[in-house]
C-alpha atoms as a PDB file:
ATOM      1  CA  MET A   1       0.183  -0.017  -0.074  1.00  0.00           C
ATOM      2  CA  SER A   2       1.263   3.295  -0.859  1.00  0.00           C
ATOM      3  CA  LEU A   3       1.366   6.781   0.778  1.00  0.00           C
ATOM      4  CA  ALA A   4      -1.062   7.888  -1.654  1.00  0.00           C
ATOM      5  CA  ALA A   5      -3.797   5.756  -0.712  1.00  0.00           C
ATOM      6  CA  CYS A   6      -3.876   7.308   2.912  1.00  0.00           C
ATOM      7  CA  VAL A   7      -3.960  10.811   1.291  1.00  0.00           C
ATOM      8  CA  GLN A   8      -6.919   9.693  -0.914  1.00  0.00           C
ATOM      9  CA  ALA A   9      -8.997   8.112   2.073  1.00  0.00           C
ATOM     10  CA  GLY A  10      -8.558  11.032   4.231  1.00  0.00           C
ATOM     11  CA  GLY A  11      -8.828  13.563   1.445  1.00  0.00           C
ATOM     12  CA  SER A  12      -6.550  16.699   1.104  1.00  0.00           C
ATOM     13  CA  ASP A  13      -8.483  18.166   4.163  1.00  0.00           C
ATOM     14  CA  PHE A  14      -7.102  15.529   6.502  1.00  0.00           C
ATOM     15  CA  THR A  15      -5.432  16.672   9.367  1.00  0.00           C
ATOM     16  CA  PRO A  16      -3.807  14.152  12.041  1.00  0.00           C
ATOM     17  CA  LYS A  17      -4.640  14.618  15.607  1.00  0.00           C
ATOM     18  CA  PRO A  18      -1.623  15.259  18.204  1.00  0.00           C
ATOM     19  CA  ILE A  19      -0.675  12.043  20.201  1.00  0.00           C
ATOM     20  CA  GLN A  20      -2.390  12.117  23.707  1.00  0.00           C
ATOM     21  CA  THR A  21      -0.578  10.757  26.850  1.00  0.00           C
ATOM     22  CA  ILE A  22      -2.931   8.813  29.075  1.00  0.00           C
ATOM     23  CA  THR A  23      -2.195   8.955  32.578  1.00  0.00           C
ATOM     24  CA  PRO A  24      -2.916   6.220  35.234  1.00  0.00           C
ATOM     25  CA  SER A  25      -5.626   7.062  37.795  1.00  0.00           C
ATOM     26  CA  SER A  26      -3.558   5.294  40.423  1.00  0.00           C
ATOM     27  CA  PRO A  27       0.241   5.751  41.104  1.00  0.00           C
ATOM     28  CA  PRO A  28       2.378   2.863  39.649  1.00  0.00           C
ATOM     29  CA  THR A  29       3.954   0.328  42.157  1.00  0.00           C
ATOM     30  CA  SER A  30       7.819   1.001  42.375  1.00  0.00           C
ATOM     31  CA  ALA A  31       9.968  -1.406  40.921  1.00  0.00           C
ATOM     32  CA  ALA A  32      12.977  -3.010  43.162  1.00  0.00           C
ATOM     33  CA  PRO A  33      15.776  -0.833  43.179  1.00  0.00           C
ATOM     34  CA  THR A  34      18.509  -1.826  40.365  1.00  0.00           C
ATOM     35  CA  GLY A  35      21.272  -3.759  41.619  1.00  0.00           C
ATOM     36  CA  SER A  36      19.319  -5.262  44.393  1.00  0.00           C
ATOM     37  CA  THR A  37      19.931  -8.839  44.977  1.00  0.00           C
ATOM     38  CA  ASN A  38      16.846  -9.809  46.868  1.00  0.00           C
ATOM     39  CA  SER A  39      15.569 -13.196  45.323  1.00  0.00           C
ATOM     40  CA  ALA A  40      12.984 -14.127  47.893  1.00  0.00           C
ATOM     41  CA  THR A  41       9.921 -15.917  46.873  1.00  0.00           C
ATOM     42  CA  PRO A  42       6.384 -14.658  47.727  1.00  0.00           C
ATOM     43  CA  SER A  43       5.937 -17.544  50.234  1.00  0.00           C
ATOM     44  CA  GLU A  44       9.163 -16.524  52.258  1.00  0.00           C
ATOM     45  CA  THR A  45       8.688 -12.780  52.414  1.00  0.00           C
ATOM     46  CA  PRO A  46       5.705 -12.909  55.255  1.00  0.00           C
ATOM     47  CA  SER A  47       6.924 -16.075  57.026  1.00  0.00           C
ATOM     48  CA  ASN A  48      10.716 -14.977  57.507  1.00  0.00           C
ATOM     49  CA  ALA A  49       9.809 -13.139  60.287  1.00  0.00           C
ATOM     50  CA  GLY A  50       7.967 -15.872  61.942  1.00  0.00           C
ATOM     51  CA  VAL A  51       5.647 -15.549  65.037  1.00  0.00           C
ATOM     52  CA  LYS A  52       6.431 -16.089  68.585  1.00  0.00           C
ATOM     53  CA  ALA A  53       6.612 -19.372  70.280  1.00  0.00           C
ATOM     54  CA  THR A  54       6.539 -21.024  73.951  1.00  0.00           C
ATOM     55  CA  GLY A  55       6.713 -24.281  75.016  1.00  0.00           C
ATOM     56  CA  SER A  56       7.937 -27.205  77.109  1.00  0.00           C
ATOM     57  CA  MET A  57      10.341 -30.077  76.902  1.00  0.00           C
ATOM     58  CA  ALA A  58      10.574 -33.464  78.876  1.00  0.00           C
ATOM     59  CA  ILE A  59      13.110 -36.443  78.926  1.00  0.00           C
ATOM     60  CA  PHE A  60      11.885 -38.928  81.478  1.00  0.00           C
ATOM     61  CA  GLY A  61      10.813 -36.184  83.352  1.00  0.00           C
ATOM     62  CA  GLU A  62      10.597 -32.430  82.848  1.00  0.00           C
ATOM     63  CA  VAL A  63      13.551 -30.401  81.458  1.00  0.00           C
ATOM     64  CA  SER A  64      11.775 -26.941  81.183  1.00  0.00           C
ATOM     65  CA  LYS A  65       8.374 -25.503  80.970  1.00  0.00           C
ATOM     66  CA  ALA A  66       9.811 -21.859  80.387  1.00  0.00           C
ATOM     67  CA  LEU A  67      10.866 -22.530  76.645  1.00  0.00           C
ATOM     68  CA  THR A  68      10.256 -19.354  74.351  1.00  0.00           C
ATOM     69  CA  GLY A  69      11.437 -18.621  70.662  1.00  0.00           C
ATOM     70  CA  THR A  70      10.070 -18.424  67.342  1.00  0.00           C
ATOM     71  CA  CYS A  71       7.897 -20.637  64.551  1.00  0.00           C
ATOM     72  CA  ALA A  72       9.244 -19.455  61.182  1.00  0.00           C
ATOM     73  CA  THR A  73      10.059 -20.626  57.673  1.00  0.00           C
ATOM     74  CA  GLY A  74      13.517 -20.572  56.677  1.00  0.00           C
ATOM     75  CA  ASP A  75      15.993 -22.545  54.262  1.00  0.00           C
ATOM     76  CA  SER A  76      15.488 -25.769  56.000  1.00  0.00           C
ATOM     77  CA  GLY A  77      11.600 -25.354  55.841  1.00  0.00           C
ATOM     78  CA  PRO A  78       9.105 -24.666  58.637  1.00  0.00           C
ATOM     79  CA  THR A  79      11.343 -24.440  61.856  1.00  0.00           C
ATOM     80  CA  ILE A  80      10.382 -24.143  65.664  1.00  0.00           C
ATOM     81  CA  MET A  81      13.206 -22.679  67.554  1.00  0.00           C
ATOM     82  CA  LEU A  82      12.731 -22.647  71.507  1.00  0.00           C
ATOM     83  CA  ALA A  83      15.207 -22.021  74.216  1.00  0.00           C
ATOM     84  CA  ASP A  84      15.565 -21.578  78.036  1.00  0.00           C
ATOM     85  CA  ASN A  85      18.423 -19.499  78.943  1.00  0.00           C
ATOM     86  CA  ASN A  86      17.894 -19.574  82.859  1.00  0.00           C
ATOM     87  CA  ASN A  87      17.021 -23.386  83.068  1.00  0.00           C
ATOM     88  CA  ASP A  88      17.598 -24.337  87.067  1.00  0.00           C
ATOM     89  CA  PHE A  89      19.305 -27.538  86.198  1.00  0.00           C
ATOM     90  CA  TYR A  90      21.134 -27.118  82.883  1.00  0.00           C
ATOM     91  CA  GLY A  91      21.761 -23.372  82.689  1.00  0.00           C
ATOM     92  CA  LYS A  92      20.722 -23.238  79.168  1.00  0.00           C
ATOM     93  CA  VAL A  93      18.436 -25.537  77.243  1.00  0.00           C
ATOM     94  CA  GLU A  94      17.692 -25.187  73.156  1.00  0.00           C
ATOM     95  CA  ALA A  95      15.549 -27.408  71.001  1.00  0.00           C
ATOM     96  CA  THR A  96      14.900 -27.036  67.414  1.00  0.00           C
ATOM     97  CA  LEU A  97      12.035 -28.835  65.348  1.00  0.00           C
ATOM     98  CA  VAL A  98      12.437 -28.843  61.514  1.00  0.00           C
ATOM     99  CA  LEU A  99       8.967 -29.986  59.988  1.00  0.00           C
ATOM    100  CA  ASP A 100       8.003 -30.879  56.283  1.00  0.00           C
ATOM    101  CA  ALA A 101       6.688 -28.139  54.203  1.00  0.00           C
ATOM    102  CA  ALA A 102       2.967 -29.280  55.040  1.00  0.00           C
ATOM    103  CA  LYS A 103       3.882 -28.962  58.934  1.00  0.00           C
ATOM    104  CA  LYS A 104       2.580 -32.664  59.423  1.00  0.00           C
ATOM    105  CA  ASP A 105       5.796 -34.399  59.822  1.00  0.00           C
ATOM    106  CA  LEU A 106       9.280 -33.916  61.582  1.00  0.00           C
ATOM    107  CA  VAL A 107      12.404 -33.762  59.458  1.00  0.00           C
ATOM    108  CA  GLY A 108      14.619 -33.412  62.370  1.00  0.00           C
ATOM    109  CA  VAL A 109      14.846 -32.716  65.849  1.00  0.00           C
ATOM    110  CA  THR A 110      17.956 -31.198  67.628  1.00  0.00           C
ATOM    111  CA  ALA A 111      18.444 -30.252  71.487  1.00  0.00           C
ATOM    112  CA  SER A 112      21.258 -29.362  73.533  1.00  0.00           C
ATOM    113  CA  PHE A 113      21.596 -28.795  77.313  1.00  0.00           C
ATOM    114  CA  ALA A 114      24.312 -26.864  79.000  1.00  0.00           C
ATOM    115  CA  GLU A 115      26.581 -28.776  81.675  1.00  0.00           C
ATOM    116  CA  ASP A 116      24.224 -29.997  84.140  1.00  0.00           C
ATOM    117  CA  SER A 117      24.829 -30.149  88.080  1.00  0.00           C
ATOM    118  CA  GLU A 118      26.691 -33.665  87.458  1.00  0.00           C
ATOM    119  CA  GLY A 119      28.930 -31.887  84.993  1.00  0.00           C
ATOM    120  CA  PHE A 120      27.372 -33.689  81.850  1.00  0.00           C
ATOM    121  CA  ALA A 121      26.462 -31.591  78.567  1.00  0.00           C
ATOM    122  CA  TRP A 122      23.847 -32.989  76.478  1.00  0.00           C
ATOM    123  CA  GLU A 123      23.230 -33.341  72.527  1.00  0.00           C
ATOM    124  CA  LEU A 124      20.407 -35.049  71.610  1.00  0.00           C
ATOM    125  CA  ALA A 125      19.370 -35.645  67.767  1.00  0.00           C
ATOM    126  CA  TYR A 126      16.868 -37.344  65.386  1.00  0.00           C
ATOM    127  CA  SER A 127      16.924 -36.996  61.587  1.00  0.00           C
ATOM    128  CA  SER A 128      14.520 -38.517  59.248  1.00  0.00           C
ATOM    129  CA  SER A 129      17.149 -39.063  56.647  1.00  0.00           C
ATOM    130  CA  GLU A 130      19.595 -40.388  58.614  1.00  0.00           C
ATOM    131  CA  THR A 131      17.847 -42.453  61.281  1.00  0.00           C
ATOM    132  CA  VAL A 132      19.920 -44.032  64.283  1.00  0.00           C
ATOM    133  CA  LYS A 133      18.867 -47.298  65.125  1.00  0.00           C
ATOM    134  CA  GLY A 134      16.162 -47.012  68.255  1.00  0.00           C
ATOM    135  CA  THR A 135      15.440 -43.336  67.309  1.00  0.00           C
ATOM    136  CA  SER A 136      11.953 -42.364  66.101  1.00  0.00           C
ATOM    137  CA  ALA A 137       9.772 -38.829  66.154  1.00  0.00           C
ATOM    138  CA  LYS A 138       6.361 -38.266  65.477  1.00  0.00           C
ATOM    139  CA  LEU A 139       4.448 -34.929  65.231  1.00  0.00           C
ATOM    140  CA  SER A 140       0.908 -34.129  66.196  1.00  0.00           C
ATOM    141  CA  THR A 141      -0.672 -30.919  65.690  1.00  0.00           C
ATOM    142  CA  SER A 142      -3.942 -28.912  67.050  1.00  0.00           C
ATOM    143  CA  GLY A 143      -4.367 -25.663  65.738  1.00  0.00           C
ATOM    144  CA  SER A 144      -0.983 -23.894  66.445  1.00  0.00           C
ATOM    145  CA  THR A 145       0.189 -26.344  69.077  1.00  0.00           C
ATOM    146  CA  TYR A 146       2.827 -28.779  67.958  1.00  0.00           C
ATOM    147  CA  THR A 147       3.617 -31.954  69.875  1.00  0.00           C
ATOM    148  CA  ALA A 148       6.903 -33.864  68.948  1.00  0.00           C
ATOM    149  CA  SER A 149       7.437 -37.093  70.712  1.00  0.00           C
ATOM    150  CA  GLY A 150       9.637 -40.304  70.458  1.00  0.00           C
ATOM    151  CA  LYS A 151      13.117 -41.360  71.065  1.00  0.00           C
ATOM    152  CA  LEU A 152      16.343 -39.069  70.478  1.00  0.00           C
ATOM    153  CA  GLN A 153      20.036 -40.132  70.193  1.00  0.00           C
ATOM    154  CA  SER A 154      21.617 -38.694  73.261  1.00  0.00           C
ATOM    155  CA  LYS A 155      25.401 -37.734  73.444  1.00  0.00           C
ATOM    156  CA  GLU A 156      26.636 -37.187  77.043  1.00  0.00           C
ATOM    157  CA  THR A 157      29.802 -35.540  77.538  1.00  0.00           C
ATOM    158  CA  ARG A 158      31.490 -35.269  80.806  1.00  0.00           C
ATOM    159  CA  LYS A 159      35.386 -34.618  81.451  1.00  0.00           C
ATOM    160  CA  GLY A 160      35.835 -35.286  77.738  1.00  0.00           C
ATOM    161  CA  LYS A 161      34.194 -38.564  77.371  1.00  0.00           C
ATOM    162  CA  THR A 162      31.157 -39.040  75.621  1.00  0.00           C
ATOM    163  CA  ARG A 163      28.400 -41.810  76.111  1.00  0.00           C
ATOM    164  CA  THR A 164      25.677 -42.444  73.681  1.00  0.00           C
ATOM    165  CA  GLU A 165      22.032 -43.705  74.544  1.00  0.00           C
ATOM    166  CA  ILE A 166      18.764 -43.439  73.309  1.00  0.00           C
ATOM    167  CA  LEU A 167      16.204 -41.227  75.524  1.00  0.00           C
ATOM    168  CA  PRO A 168      12.270 -40.704  75.256  1.00  0.00           C
ATOM    169  CA  PHE A 169      11.435 -37.043  74.458  1.00  0.00           C
ATOM    170  CA  THR A 170       8.205 -34.762  74.239  1.00  0.00           C
ATOM    171  CA  ILE A 171       8.552 -31.125  73.084  1.00  0.00           C
ATOM    172  CA  VAL A 172       5.503 -28.964  73.054  1.00  0.00           C
ATOM    173  CA  ALA A 173       5.432 -25.881  71.036  1.00  0.00           C
ATOM    174  CA  LYS A 174       2.534 -23.274  70.867  1.00  0.00           C
ATOM    175  CA  CYS A 175       3.143 -20.775  68.085  1.00  0.00           C
ATOM    176  CA  ALA A 176       1.342 -17.472  68.283  1.00  0.00           C
ATOM    177  CA  GLY A 177      -0.506 -18.403  65.015  1.00  0.00           C
ATOM    178  CA  THR A 178      -0.823 -21.050  62.110  1.00  0.00           C
ATOM    179  CA  ASN A 179       0.639 -18.453  59.481  1.00  0.00           C
ATOM    180  CA  TRP A 180       4.379 -18.475  59.603  1.00  0.00           C
END
């Protein structure tokens, strides 16, 4: 098609209209600054901050009823981290539960106790991918309360010597909400 066809269709009286700029009625959303290395996925953004948590732990008997910490989603998945930094018997108790993505099963459990009154320091663990004979862990949930129980491998160290055994455990964690 030639330019002559346009002139004929509009005639010699044809005058083109000026270009109009349309402005949006709401301001545009700002893009991330250039050079930003933030690669968070949408599911990580609200959950990385996590929610507060409280809990308790028992091995044979009560270890702590004063555990505090967070329920959050990190690189390892949904994780509940609890600690009692002023424990009467152990001085410090720490426990971590790593859940599967659906928060229905345990991937791993770790706990550590500072030196007790008899001079023992404790490291306890369970891993679903590297189970030690005799260890087990199951998770039950009720709303935002997570109860982990089973048997952990215990490494007790005193005066440079370590012994291992399997110990029953229960950890109850109450998260401040279910959306983490």
